[in-house]
Amino acid sequence: MAQLPDFHRWIPLMRLCVSELPHYGAISAVYAMRSTTTGEILYIGSTNDLRRRILGNYLGGVGGQTTQRLHELLFSEGKIGDVDLAWLEADAYVTKEKELKEKYRGKHGHLPKWNRA
């Protein structure tokens, strides 16, 4: 099972409630999605507004090319029932995302399968 030691609390995306996300304004964060079944890390990303990214973009389907691709993977391919989400608040979220991707690539020889090279 591929784990990211930085993340401690994983929530099934299918059961994610608004109240589980931080509610004190826009939160900069690095986040990851993994398969509930296998534990495989599927995606590592970052954002300056976690609620908007998860609820509006990935679940709502509003956004650009990457958003549309992940929304389609989650819903068109029926994967939403097999995806957990975890995040870390981080002011330097872009730097932290790069660090986590480098760790993952160093250990596995490639990025998570939903990330583009």
PDB file of N, CA and C in Angstrom:
ATOM      1  N   MET A   1       0.844  -1.177   0.000  1.00  0.00           N
ATOM      2  CA  MET A   1       0.000   0.000   0.000  1.00  0.00           C
ATOM      3  C   MET A   1       0.887   1.238   0.000  1.00  0.00           C
ATOM      4  N   ALA A   2       0.776   2.073  -1.010  1.00  0.00           N
ATOM      5  CA  ALA A   2       1.596   3.282  -1.138  1.00  0.00           C
ATOM      6  C   ALA A   2       1.036   4.377  -0.228  1.00  0.00           C
ATOM      7  N   GLN A   3       1.780   4.758   0.760  1.00  0.00           N
ATOM      8  CA  GLN A   3       1.315   5.768   1.700  1.00  0.00           C
ATOM      9  C   GLN A   3       2.161   7.031   1.602  1.00  0.00           C
ATOM     10  N   LEU A   4       1.557   8.148   1.936  1.00  0.00           N
ATOM     11  CA  LEU A   4       2.269   9.403   2.085  1.00  0.00           C
ATOM     12  C   LEU A   4       2.278   9.692   3.582  1.00  0.00           C
ATOM     13  N   PRO A   5       3.428   9.602   4.222  1.00  0.00           N
ATOM     14  CA  PRO A   5       3.476   9.737   5.672  1.00  0.00           C
ATOM     15  C   PRO A   5       2.995  11.084   6.188  1.00  0.00           C
ATOM     16  N   ASP A   6       2.963  12.094   5.352  1.00  0.00           N
ATOM     17  CA  ASP A   6       2.533  13.426   5.774  1.00  0.00           C
ATOM     18  C   ASP A   6       1.035  13.492   6.061  1.00  0.00           C
ATOM     19  N   PHE A   7       0.258  12.589   5.465  1.00  0.00           N
ATOM     20  CA  PHE A   7      -1.196  12.603   5.617  1.00  0.00           C
ATOM     21  C   PHE A   7      -1.610  11.586   6.670  1.00  0.00           C
ATOM     22  N   HIS A   8      -2.482  12.009   7.576  1.00  0.00           N
ATOM     23  CA  HIS A   8      -2.873  11.134   8.675  1.00  0.00           C
ATOM     24  C   HIS A   8      -4.357  10.785   8.665  1.00  0.00           C
ATOM     25  N   ARG A   9      -5.203  11.660   8.156  1.00  0.00           N
ATOM     26  CA  ARG A   9      -6.648  11.406   8.183  1.00  0.00           C
ATOM     27  C   ARG A   9      -7.189  11.343   6.748  1.00  0.00           C
ATOM     28  N   TRP A  10      -7.656  10.196   6.375  1.00  0.00           N
ATOM     29  CA  TRP A  10      -8.225   9.982   5.050  1.00  0.00           C
ATOM     30  C   TRP A  10      -9.742   9.876   5.183  1.00  0.00           C
ATOM     31  N   ILE A  11     -10.464  10.565   4.295  1.00  0.00           N
ATOM     32  CA  ILE A  11     -11.931  10.576   4.311  1.00  0.00           C
ATOM     33  C   ILE A  11     -12.434  10.035   2.973  1.00  0.00           C
ATOM     34  N   PRO A  12     -13.369   9.085   2.990  1.00  0.00           N
ATOM     35  CA  PRO A  12     -13.938   8.620   1.724  1.00  0.00           C
ATOM     36  C   PRO A  12     -14.593   9.791   0.986  1.00  0.00           C
ATOM     37  N   LEU A  13     -14.191  10.036  -0.238  1.00  0.00           N
ATOM     38  CA  LEU A  13     -14.705  11.174  -1.010  1.00  0.00           C
ATOM     39  C   LEU A  13     -16.212  11.080  -1.194  1.00  0.00           C
ATOM     40  N   MET A  14     -16.720   9.870  -1.319  1.00  0.00           N
ATOM     41  CA  MET A  14     -18.151   9.651  -1.502  1.00  0.00           C
ATOM     42  C   MET A  14     -18.958  10.157  -0.306  1.00  0.00           C
ATOM     43  N   ARG A  15     -18.340  10.140   0.866  1.00  0.00           N
ATOM     44  CA  ARG A  15     -19.039  10.545   2.089  1.00  0.00           C
ATOM     45  C   ARG A  15     -18.553  11.881   2.642  1.00  0.00           C
ATOM     46  N   LEU A  16     -17.758  12.608   1.870  1.00  0.00           N
ATOM     47  CA  LEU A  16     -17.213  13.887   2.341  1.00  0.00           C
ATOM     48  C   LEU A  16     -18.334  14.885   2.589  1.00  0.00           C
ATOM     49  N   CYS A  17     -18.337  15.466   3.758  1.00  0.00           N
ATOM     50  CA  CYS A  17     -19.319  16.489   4.121  1.00  0.00           C
ATOM     51  C   CYS A  17     -18.623  17.847   4.165  1.00  0.00           C
ATOM     52  N   VAL A  18     -19.349  18.880   3.838  1.00  0.00           N
ATOM     53  CA  VAL A  18     -18.805  20.241   3.877  1.00  0.00           C
ATOM     54  C   VAL A  18     -18.226  20.529   5.254  1.00  0.00           C
ATOM     55  N   SER A  19     -18.855  20.038   6.292  1.00  0.00           N
ATOM     56  CA  SER A  19     -18.406  20.315   7.660  1.00  0.00           C
ATOM     57  C   SER A  19     -17.048  19.688   7.987  1.00  0.00           C
ATOM     58  N   GLU A  20     -16.597  18.718   7.167  1.00  0.00           N
ATOM     59  CA  GLU A  20     -15.299  18.094   7.416  1.00  0.00           C
ATOM     60  C   GLU A  20     -14.144  18.911   6.850  1.00  0.00           C
ATOM     61  N   LEU A  21     -14.454  19.814   5.939  1.00  0.00           N
ATOM     62  CA  LEU A  21     -13.425  20.684   5.377  1.00  0.00           C
ATOM     63  C   LEU A  21     -13.280  21.918   6.272  1.00  0.00           C
ATOM     64  N   PRO A  22     -12.083  22.487   6.334  1.00  0.00           N
ATOM     65  CA  PRO A  22     -11.908  23.699   7.151  1.00  0.00           C
ATOM     66  C   PRO A  22     -12.902  24.779   6.725  1.00  0.00           C
ATOM     67  N   HIS A  23     -13.538  25.480   7.693  1.00  0.00           N
ATOM     68  CA  HIS A  23     -14.535  26.466   7.325  1.00  0.00           C
ATOM     69  C   HIS A  23     -14.125  27.892   7.632  1.00  0.00           C
ATOM     70  N   TYR A  24     -12.905  28.172   7.853  1.00  0.00           N
ATOM     71  CA  TYR A  24     -12.508  29.543   8.183  1.00  0.00           C
ATOM     72  C   TYR A  24     -11.810  30.212   6.999  1.00  0.00           C
ATOM     73  N   GLY A  25     -12.550  30.397   5.915  1.00  0.00           N
ATOM     74  CA  GLY A  25     -12.029  31.082   4.738  1.00  0.00           C
ATOM     75  C   GLY A  25     -11.273  30.153   3.806  1.00  0.00           C
ATOM     76  N   ALA A  26     -10.652  30.754   2.813  1.00  0.00           N
ATOM     77  CA  ALA A  26      -9.885  29.988   1.827  1.00  0.00           C
ATOM     78  C   ALA A  26      -8.646  29.402   2.501  1.00  0.00           C
ATOM     79  N   ILE A  27      -8.483  28.087   2.398  1.00  0.00           N
ATOM     80  CA  ILE A  27      -7.374  27.375   3.021  1.00  0.00           C
ATOM     81  C   ILE A  27      -6.426  26.875   1.940  1.00  0.00           C
ATOM     82  N   SER A  28      -5.161  27.308   2.033  1.00  0.00           N
ATOM     83  CA  SER A  28      -4.127  26.782   1.140  1.00  0.00           C
ATOM     84  C   SER A  28      -3.734  25.409   1.651  1.00  0.00           C
ATOM     85  N   ALA A  29      -3.662  24.458   0.731  1.00  0.00           N
ATOM     86  CA  ALA A  29      -3.379  23.090   1.160  1.00  0.00           C
ATOM     87  C   ALA A  29      -2.774  22.270   0.036  1.00  0.00           C
ATOM     88  N   VAL A  30      -2.117  21.198   0.434  1.00  0.00           N
ATOM     89  CA  VAL A  30      -1.706  20.142  -0.481  1.00  0.00           C
ATOM     90  C   VAL A  30      -2.613  18.962  -0.137  1.00  0.00           C
ATOM     91  N   TYR A  31      -3.054  18.234  -1.152  1.00  0.00           N
ATOM     92  CA  TYR A  31      -4.005  17.154  -0.915  1.00  0.00           C
ATOM     93  C   TYR A  31      -3.635  15.944  -1.763  1.00  0.00           C
ATOM     94  N   ALA A  32      -4.199  14.821  -1.391  1.00  0.00           N
ATOM     95  CA  ALA A  32      -3.962  13.587  -2.143  1.00  0.00           C
ATOM     96  C   ALA A  32      -5.249  12.783  -2.179  1.00  0.00           C
ATOM     97  N   MET A  33      -5.368  12.001  -3.240  1.00  0.00           N
ATOM     98  CA  MET A  33      -6.465  11.045  -3.366  1.00  0.00           C
ATOM     99  C   MET A  33      -5.836   9.663  -3.484  1.00  0.00           C
ATOM    100  N   ARG A  34      -6.467   8.693  -2.842  1.00  0.00           N
ATOM    101  CA  ARG A  34      -5.974   7.318  -2.927  1.00  0.00           C
ATOM    102  C   ARG A  34      -7.150   6.369  -3.121  1.00  0.00           C
ATOM    103  N   SER A  35      -6.846   5.186  -3.611  1.00  0.00           N
ATOM    104  CA  SER A  35      -7.857   4.142  -3.756  1.00  0.00           C
ATOM    105  C   SER A  35      -8.190   3.598  -2.373  1.00  0.00           C
ATOM    106  N   THR A  36      -9.460   3.580  -2.054  1.00  0.00           N
ATOM    107  CA  THR A  36      -9.918   3.015  -0.788  1.00  0.00           C
ATOM    108  C   THR A  36      -9.595   1.523  -0.727  1.00  0.00           C
ATOM    109  N   THR A  37      -9.738   0.859  -1.846  1.00  0.00           N
ATOM    110  CA  THR A  37      -9.543  -0.586  -1.925  1.00  0.00           C
ATOM    111  C   THR A  37      -8.086  -1.000  -1.806  1.00  0.00           C
ATOM    112  N   THR A  38      -7.219  -0.382  -2.600  1.00  0.00           N
ATOM    113  CA  THR A  38      -5.824  -0.809  -2.660  1.00  0.00           C
ATOM    114  C   THR A  38      -4.866   0.059  -1.858  1.00  0.00           C
ATOM    115  N   GLY A  39      -5.279   1.282  -1.526  1.00  0.00           N
ATOM    116  CA  GLY A  39      -4.385   2.214  -0.841  1.00  0.00           C
ATOM    117  C   GLY A  39      -3.436   2.935  -1.787  1.00  0.00           C
ATOM    118  N   GLU A  40      -3.521   2.640  -3.081  1.00  0.00           N
ATOM    119  CA  GLU A  40      -2.647   3.280  -4.066  1.00  0.00           C
ATOM    120  C   GLU A  40      -2.935   4.783  -4.139  1.00  0.00           C
ATOM    121  N   ILE A  41      -1.888   5.596  -4.089  1.00  0.00           N
ATOM    122  CA  ILE A  41      -2.037   7.032  -4.263  1.00  0.00           C
ATOM    123  C   ILE A  41      -2.369   7.284  -5.727  1.00  0.00           C
ATOM    124  N   LEU A  42      -3.472   7.990  -5.969  1.00  0.00           N
ATOM    125  CA  LEU A  42      -3.938   8.257  -7.324  1.00  0.00           C
ATOM    126  C   LEU A  42      -3.542   9.638  -7.813  1.00  0.00           C
ATOM    127  N   TYR A  43      -3.516  10.609  -6.900  1.00  0.00           N
ATOM    128  CA  TYR A  43      -3.289  11.996  -7.306  1.00  0.00           C
ATOM    129  C   TYR A  43      -2.726  12.798  -6.138  1.00  0.00           C
ATOM    130  N   ILE A  44      -1.807  13.690  -6.452  1.00  0.00           N
ATOM    131  CA  ILE A  44      -1.270  14.652  -5.489  1.00  0.00           C
ATOM    132  C   ILE A  44      -1.438  16.023  -6.122  1.00  0.00           C
ATOM    133  N   GLY A  45      -2.022  16.959  -5.386  1.00  0.00           N
ATOM    134  CA  GLY A  45      -2.234  18.306  -5.905  1.00  0.00           C
ATOM    135  C   GLY A  45      -2.156  19.336  -4.809  1.00  0.00           C
ATOM    136  N   SER A  46      -2.327  20.596  -5.194  1.00  0.00           N
ATOM    137  CA  SER A  46      -2.328  21.679  -4.213  1.00  0.00           C
ATOM    138  C   SER A  46      -3.272  22.778  -4.688  1.00  0.00           C
ATOM    139  N   THR A  47      -3.669  23.629  -3.759  1.00  0.00           N
ATOM    140  CA  THR A  47      -4.622  24.690  -4.067  1.00  0.00           C
ATOM    141  C   THR A  47      -4.524  25.807  -3.046  1.00  0.00           C
ATOM    142  N   ASN A  48      -4.967  26.990  -3.455  1.00  0.00           N
ATOM    143  CA  ASN A  48      -5.045  28.095  -2.502  1.00  0.00           C
ATOM    144  C   ASN A  48      -6.430  28.185  -1.870  1.00  0.00           C
ATOM    145  N   ASP A  49      -7.351  27.293  -2.253  1.00  0.00           N
ATOM    146  CA  ASP A  49      -8.696  27.258  -1.678  1.00  0.00           C
ATOM    147  C   ASP A  49      -9.221  25.819  -1.716  1.00  0.00           C
ATOM    148  N   LEU A  50      -8.994  25.078  -0.656  1.00  0.00           N
ATOM    149  CA  LEU A  50      -9.320  23.656  -0.596  1.00  0.00           C
ATOM    150  C   LEU A  50     -10.803  23.373  -0.843  1.00  0.00           C
ATOM    151  N   ARG A  51     -11.685  24.127  -0.211  1.00  0.00           N
ATOM    152  CA  ARG A  51     -13.126  23.895  -0.379  1.00  0.00           C
ATOM    153  C   ARG A  51     -13.548  24.057  -1.830  1.00  0.00           C
ATOM    154  N   ARG A  52     -13.087  25.129  -2.457  1.00  0.00           N
ATOM    155  CA  ARG A  52     -13.448  25.365  -3.855  1.00  0.00           C
ATOM    156  C   ARG A  52     -12.905  24.248  -4.742  1.00  0.00           C
ATOM    157  N   ARG A  53     -11.651  23.854  -4.510  1.00  0.00           N
ATOM    158  CA  ARG A  53     -11.017  22.834  -5.355  1.00  0.00           C
ATOM    159  C   ARG A  53     -11.778  21.511  -5.282  1.00  0.00           C
ATOM    160  N   ILE A  54     -12.085  21.065  -4.077  1.00  0.00           N
ATOM    161  CA  ILE A  54     -12.727  19.762  -3.926  1.00  0.00           C
ATOM    162  C   ILE A  54     -14.209  19.827  -4.278  1.00  0.00           C
ATOM    163  N   LEU A  55     -14.937  20.747  -3.667  1.00  0.00           N
ATOM    164  CA  LEU A  55     -16.391  20.800  -3.855  1.00  0.00           C
ATOM    165  C   LEU A  55     -16.794  21.383  -5.207  1.00  0.00           C
ATOM    166  N   GLY A  56     -16.235  22.518  -5.569  1.00  0.00           N
ATOM    167  CA  GLY A  56     -16.621  23.178  -6.814  1.00  0.00           C
ATOM    168  C   GLY A  56     -15.998  22.553  -8.035  1.00  0.00           C
ATOM    169  N   ASN A  57     -14.704  22.252  -7.945  1.00  0.00           N
ATOM    170  CA  ASN A  57     -13.993  21.742  -9.115  1.00  0.00           C
ATOM    171  C   ASN A  57     -14.190  20.250  -9.303  1.00  0.00           C
ATOM    172  N   TYR A  58     -13.639  19.440  -8.417  1.00  0.00           N
ATOM    173  CA  TYR A  58     -13.657  17.989  -8.638  1.00  0.00           C
ATOM    174  C   TYR A  58     -15.041  17.369  -8.503  1.00  0.00           C
ATOM    175  N   LEU A  59     -15.783  17.753  -7.487  1.00  0.00           N
ATOM    176  CA  LEU A  59     -17.122  17.186  -7.332  1.00  0.00           C
ATOM    177  C   LEU A  59     -18.143  17.903  -8.203  1.00  0.00           C
ATOM    178  N   GLY A  60     -18.000  19.237  -8.327  1.00  0.00           N
ATOM    179  CA  GLY A  60     -18.946  20.019  -9.126  1.00  0.00           C
ATOM    180  C   GLY A  60     -18.649  20.022 -10.612  1.00  0.00           C
ATOM    181  N   GLY A  61     -17.406  19.777 -10.996  1.00  0.00           N
ATOM    182  CA  GLY A  61     -17.045  19.712 -12.405  1.00  0.00           C
ATOM    183  C   GLY A  61     -16.780  21.057 -13.061  1.00  0.00           C
ATOM    184  N   VAL A  62     -16.651  22.119 -12.275  1.00  0.00           N
ATOM    185  CA  VAL A  62     -16.407  23.450 -12.821  1.00  0.00           C
ATOM    186  C   VAL A  62     -14.903  23.702 -12.848  1.00  0.00           C
ATOM    187  N   GLY A  63     -14.372  24.014 -14.024  1.00  0.00           N
ATOM    188  CA  GLY A  63     -12.954  24.329 -14.090  1.00  0.00           C
ATOM    189  C   GLY A  63     -12.312  23.941 -15.400  1.00  0.00           C
ATOM    190  N   GLY A  64     -11.017  23.959 -15.392  1.00  0.00           N
ATOM    191  CA  GLY A  64     -10.225  23.732 -16.597  1.00  0.00           C
ATOM    192  C   GLY A  64      -9.997  22.271 -16.930  1.00  0.00           C
ATOM    193  N   GLN A  65      -8.987  22.061 -17.734  1.00  0.00           N
ATOM    194  CA  GLN A  65      -8.715  20.738 -18.302  1.00  0.00           C
ATOM    195  C   GLN A  65      -8.430  19.673 -17.239  1.00  0.00           C
ATOM    196  N   THR A  66      -7.566  19.981 -16.271  1.00  0.00           N
ATOM    197  CA  THR A  66      -7.248  19.001 -15.223  1.00  0.00           C
ATOM    198  C   THR A  66      -8.482  18.708 -14.381  1.00  0.00           C
ATOM    199  N   THR A  67      -9.217  19.747 -14.034  1.00  0.00           N
ATOM    200  CA  THR A  67     -10.446  19.574 -13.263  1.00  0.00           C
ATOM    201  C   THR A  67     -11.424  18.673 -14.001  1.00  0.00           C
ATOM    202  N   GLN A  68     -11.630  18.929 -15.273  1.00  0.00           N
ATOM    203  CA  GLN A  68     -12.559  18.134 -16.065  1.00  0.00           C
ATOM    204  C   GLN A  68     -12.112  16.678 -16.155  1.00  0.00           C
ATOM    205  N   ARG A  69     -10.804  16.483 -16.315  1.00  0.00           N
ATOM    206  CA  ARG A  69     -10.261  15.118 -16.413  1.00  0.00           C
ATOM    207  C   ARG A  69     -10.511  14.349 -15.120  1.00  0.00           C
ATOM    208  N   LEU A  70     -10.210  14.977 -13.965  1.00  0.00           N
ATOM    209  CA  LEU A  70     -10.414  14.290 -12.688  1.00  0.00           C
ATOM    210  C   LEU A  70     -11.894  14.111 -12.375  1.00  0.00           C
ATOM    211  N   HIS A  71     -12.710  15.102 -12.689  1.00  0.00           N
ATOM    212  CA  HIS A  71     -14.160  14.972 -12.485  1.00  0.00           C
ATOM    213  C   HIS A  71     -14.684  13.786 -13.295  1.00  0.00           C
ATOM    214  N   GLU A  72     -14.229  13.663 -14.523  1.00  0.00           N
ATOM    215  CA  GLU A  72     -14.657  12.546 -15.368  1.00  0.00           C
ATOM    216  C   GLU A  72     -14.190  11.205 -14.809  1.00  0.00           C
ATOM    217  N   LEU A  73     -12.949  11.149 -14.331  1.00  0.00           N
ATOM    218  CA  LEU A  73     -12.466   9.900 -13.723  1.00  0.00           C
ATOM    219  C   LEU A  73     -13.331   9.513 -12.527  1.00  0.00           C
ATOM    220  N   LEU A  74     -13.667  10.493 -11.710  1.00  0.00           N
ATOM    221  CA  LEU A  74     -14.456  10.222 -10.510  1.00  0.00           C
ATOM    222  C   LEU A  74     -15.884   9.782 -10.833  1.00  0.00           C
ATOM    223  N   PHE A  75     -16.513  10.447 -11.798  1.00  0.00           N
ATOM    224  CA  PHE A  75     -17.929  10.198 -12.041  1.00  0.00           C
ATOM    225  C   PHE A  75     -18.214   9.325 -13.252  1.00  0.00           C
ATOM    226  N   SER A  76     -17.592   9.591 -14.383  1.00  0.00           N
ATOM    227  CA  SER A  76     -17.881   8.802 -15.585  1.00  0.00           C
ATOM    228  C   SER A  76     -17.358   7.385 -15.455  1.00  0.00           C
ATOM    229  N   GLU A  77     -16.230   7.252 -14.805  1.00  0.00           N
ATOM    230  CA  GLU A  77     -15.663   5.915 -14.638  1.00  0.00           C
ATOM    231  C   GLU A  77     -16.088   5.281 -13.310  1.00  0.00           C
ATOM    232  N   GLY A  78     -16.947   5.949 -12.552  1.00  0.00           N
ATOM    233  CA  GLY A  78     -17.494   5.393 -11.328  1.00  0.00           C
ATOM    234  C   GLY A  78     -16.503   5.156 -10.207  1.00  0.00           C
ATOM    235  N   LYS A  79     -15.433   5.913 -10.184  1.00  0.00           N
ATOM    236  CA  LYS A  79     -14.392   5.694  -9.181  1.00  0.00           C
ATOM    237  C   LYS A  79     -14.646   6.426  -7.865  1.00  0.00           C
ATOM    238  N   ILE A  80     -15.632   7.310  -7.830  1.00  0.00           N
ATOM    239  CA  ILE A  80     -15.833   8.118  -6.630  1.00  0.00           C
ATOM    240  C   ILE A  80     -16.060   7.266  -5.383  1.00  0.00           C
ATOM    241  N   GLY A  81     -16.640   6.087  -5.539  1.00  0.00           N
ATOM    242  CA  GLY A  81     -16.867   5.202  -4.403  1.00  0.00           C
ATOM    243  C   GLY A  81     -15.612   4.516  -3.898  1.00  0.00           C
ATOM    244  N   ASP A  82     -14.507   4.659  -4.625  1.00  0.00           N
ATOM    245  CA  ASP A  82     -13.245   4.012  -4.247  1.00  0.00           C
ATOM    246  C   ASP A  82     -12.119   5.027  -4.068  1.00  0.00           C
ATOM    247  N   VAL A  83     -12.463   6.244  -3.647  1.00  0.00           N
ATOM    248  CA  VAL A  83     -11.435   7.273  -3.482  1.00  0.00           C
ATOM    249  C   VAL A  83     -11.547   7.908  -2.106  1.00  0.00           C
ATOM    250  N   ASP A  84     -10.394   7.976  -1.421  1.00  0.00           N
ATOM    251  CA  ASP A  84     -10.264   8.694  -0.152  1.00  0.00           C
ATOM    252  C   ASP A  84      -9.518   9.984  -0.423  1.00  0.00           C
ATOM    253  N   LEU A  85      -9.766  10.979   0.413  1.00  0.00           N
ATOM    254  CA  LEU A  85      -9.119  12.285   0.308  1.00  0.00           C
ATOM    255  C   LEU A  85      -8.448  12.629   1.630  1.00  0.00           C
ATOM    256  N   ALA A  86      -7.261  13.224   1.538  1.00  0.00           N
ATOM    257  CA  ALA A  86      -6.575  13.750   2.723  1.00  0.00           C
ATOM    258  C   ALA A  86      -5.894  15.047   2.320  1.00  0.00           C
ATOM    259  N   TRP A  87      -5.639  15.916   3.281  1.00  0.00           N
ATOM    260  CA  TRP A  87      -4.979  17.182   2.974  1.00  0.00           C
ATOM    261  C   TRP A  87      -4.170  17.664   4.167  1.00  0.00           C
ATOM    262  N   LEU A  88      -3.270  18.587   3.854  1.00  0.00           N
ATOM    263  CA  LEU A  88      -2.461  19.280   4.859  1.00  0.00           C
ATOM    264  C   LEU A  88      -2.538  20.760   4.549  1.00  0.00           C
ATOM    265  N   GLU A  89      -2.866  21.555   5.528  1.00  0.00           N
ATOM    266  CA  GLU A  89      -2.827  22.994   5.311  1.00  0.00           C
ATOM    267  C   GLU A  89      -1.365  23.395   5.167  1.00  0.00           C
ATOM    268  N   ALA A  90      -1.087  24.261   4.191  1.00  0.00           N
ATOM    269  CA  ALA A  90       0.291  24.656   3.922  1.00  0.00           C
ATOM    270  C   ALA A  90       0.325  26.007   3.229  1.00  0.00           C
ATOM    271  N   ASP A  91       1.011  26.971   3.831  1.00  0.00           N
ATOM    272  CA  ASP A  91       1.166  28.273   3.186  1.00  0.00           C
ATOM    273  C   ASP A  91       1.980  28.122   1.905  1.00  0.00           C
ATOM    274  N   ALA A  92       3.026  27.318   1.969  1.00  0.00           N
ATOM    275  CA  ALA A  92       3.878  27.051   0.800  1.00  0.00           C
ATOM    276  C   ALA A  92       3.365  25.801   0.088  1.00  0.00           C
ATOM    277  N   TYR A  93       2.097  25.818  -0.296  1.00  0.00           N
ATOM    278  CA  TYR A  93       1.440  24.623  -0.830  1.00  0.00           C
ATOM    279  C   TYR A  93       2.053  24.132  -2.137  1.00  0.00           C
ATOM    280  N   VAL A  94       2.503  25.033  -2.999  1.00  0.00           N
ATOM    281  CA  VAL A  94       3.107  24.605  -4.268  1.00  0.00           C
ATOM    282  C   VAL A  94       4.425  23.878  -4.002  1.00  0.00           C
ATOM    283  N   THR A  95       5.218  24.408  -3.088  1.00  0.00           N
ATOM    284  CA  THR A  95       6.484  23.779  -2.715  1.00  0.00           C
ATOM    285  C   THR A  95       6.248  22.419  -2.079  1.00  0.00           C
ATOM    286  N   LYS A  96       5.265  22.335  -1.188  1.00  0.00           N
ATOM    287  CA  LYS A  96       4.953  21.070  -0.520  1.00  0.00           C
ATOM    288  C   LYS A  96       4.458  20.032  -1.527  1.00  0.00           C
ATOM    289  N   GLU A  97       3.653  20.450  -2.509  1.00  0.00           N
ATOM    290  CA  GLU A  97       3.189  19.528  -3.546  1.00  0.00           C
ATOM    291  C   GLU A  97       4.384  18.959  -4.316  1.00  0.00           C
ATOM    292  N   LYS A  98       5.305  19.826  -4.716  1.00  0.00           N
ATOM    293  CA  LYS A  98       6.494  19.373  -5.452  1.00  0.00           C
ATOM    294  C   LYS A  98       7.304  18.384  -4.621  1.00  0.00           C
ATOM    295  N   GLU A  99       7.447  18.675  -3.325  1.00  0.00           N
ATOM    296  CA  GLU A  99       8.195  17.794  -2.418  1.00  0.00           C
ATOM    297  C   GLU A  99       7.548  16.412  -2.337  1.00  0.00           C
ATOM    298  N   LEU A 100       6.227  16.382  -2.180  1.00  0.00           N
ATOM    299  CA  LEU A 100       5.521  15.100  -2.081  1.00  0.00           C
ATOM    300  C   LEU A 100       5.598  14.313  -3.385  1.00  0.00           C
ATOM    301  N   LYS A 101       5.485  14.998  -4.507  1.00  0.00           N
ATOM    302  CA  LYS A 101       5.597  14.322  -5.801  1.00  0.00           C
ATOM    303  C   LYS A 101       6.999  13.753  -6.004  1.00  0.00           C
ATOM    304  N   GLU A 102       8.017  14.517  -5.590  1.00  0.00           N
ATOM    305  CA  GLU A 102       9.394  14.029  -5.711  1.00  0.00           C
ATOM    306  C   GLU A 102       9.609  12.795  -4.836  1.00  0.00           C
ATOM    307  N   LYS A 103       9.077  12.811  -3.618  1.00  0.00           N
ATOM    308  CA  LYS A 103       9.177  11.639  -2.740  1.00  0.00           C
ATOM    309  C   LYS A 103       8.502  10.429  -3.379  1.00  0.00           C
ATOM    310  N   TYR A 104       7.318  10.653  -3.904  1.00  0.00           N
ATOM    311  CA  TYR A 104       6.573   9.562  -4.520  1.00  0.00           C
ATOM    312  C   TYR A 104       7.332   9.008  -5.722  1.00  0.00           C
ATOM    313  N   ARG A 105       7.792   9.910  -6.597  1.00  0.00           N
ATOM    314  CA  ARG A 105       8.526   9.478  -7.793  1.00  0.00           C
ATOM    315  C   ARG A 105       9.818   8.763  -7.412  1.00  0.00           C
ATOM    316  N   GLY A 106      10.493   9.246  -6.374  1.00  0.00           N
ATOM    317  CA  GLY A 106      11.718   8.596  -5.909  1.00  0.00           C
ATOM    318  C   GLY A 106      11.477   7.181  -5.421  1.00  0.00           C
ATOM    319  N   LYS A 107      10.343   6.969  -4.786  1.00  0.00           N
ATOM    320  CA  LYS A 107      10.033   5.645  -4.247  1.00  0.00           C
ATOM    321  C   LYS A 107       9.458   4.692  -5.296  1.00  0.00           C
ATOM    322  N   HIS A 108       8.655   5.225  -6.232  1.00  0.00           N
ATOM    323  CA  HIS A 108       7.928   4.374  -7.185  1.00  0.00           C
ATOM    324  C   HIS A 108       8.437   4.469  -8.621  1.00  0.00           C
ATOM    325  N   GLY A 109       9.271   5.452  -8.918  1.00  0.00           N
ATOM    326  CA  GLY A 109       9.796   5.611 -10.276  1.00  0.00           C
ATOM    327  C   GLY A 109       8.860   6.333 -11.225  1.00  0.00           C
ATOM    328  N   HIS A 110       7.727   6.798 -10.732  1.00  0.00           N
ATOM    329  CA  HIS A 110       6.738   7.514 -11.558  1.00  0.00           C
ATOM    330  C   HIS A 110       5.822   8.306 -10.637  1.00  0.00           C
ATOM    331  N   LEU A 111       5.060   9.222 -11.221  1.00  0.00           N
ATOM    332  CA  LEU A 111       4.062   9.970 -10.466  1.00  0.00           C
ATOM    333  C   LEU A 111       2.812   9.107 -10.287  1.00  0.00           C
ATOM    334  N   PRO A 112       1.914   9.487  -9.360  1.00  0.00           N
ATOM    335  CA  PRO A 112       0.637   8.777  -9.260  1.00  0.00           C
ATOM    336  C   PRO A 112      -0.077   8.774 -10.601  1.00  0.00           C
ATOM    337  N   LYS A 113      -0.877   7.743 -10.859  1.00  0.00           N
ATOM    338  CA  LYS A 113      -1.432   7.551 -12.206  1.00  0.00           C
ATOM    339  C   LYS A 113      -2.386   8.636 -12.665  1.00  0.00           C
ATOM    340  N   TRP A 114      -3.000   9.386 -11.771  1.00  0.00           N
ATOM    341  CA  TRP A 114      -3.881  10.483 -12.215  1.00  0.00           C
ATOM    342  C   TRP A 114      -3.127  11.790 -12.430  1.00  0.00           C
ATOM    343  N   ASN A 115      -1.875  11.855 -11.974  1.00  0.00           N
ATOM    344  CA  ASN A 115      -1.050  13.028 -12.240  1.00  0.00           C
ATOM    345  C   ASN A 115      -0.453  12.884 -13.635  1.00  0.00           C
ATOM    346  N   ARG A 116      -0.267  13.981 -14.296  1.00  0.00           N
ATOM    347  CA  ARG A 116       0.402  13.970 -15.592  1.00  0.00           C
ATOM    348  C   ARG A 116       1.884  14.217 -15.368  1.00  0.00           C
ATOM    349  N   ALA A 117       2.739  13.606 -16.172  1.00  0.00           N
ATOM    350  CA  ALA A 117       4.195  13.738 -16.025  1.00  0.00           C
ATOM    351  C   ALA A 117       4.673  15.152 -16.238  1.00  0.00           C
TER     352      ALA A 117
END
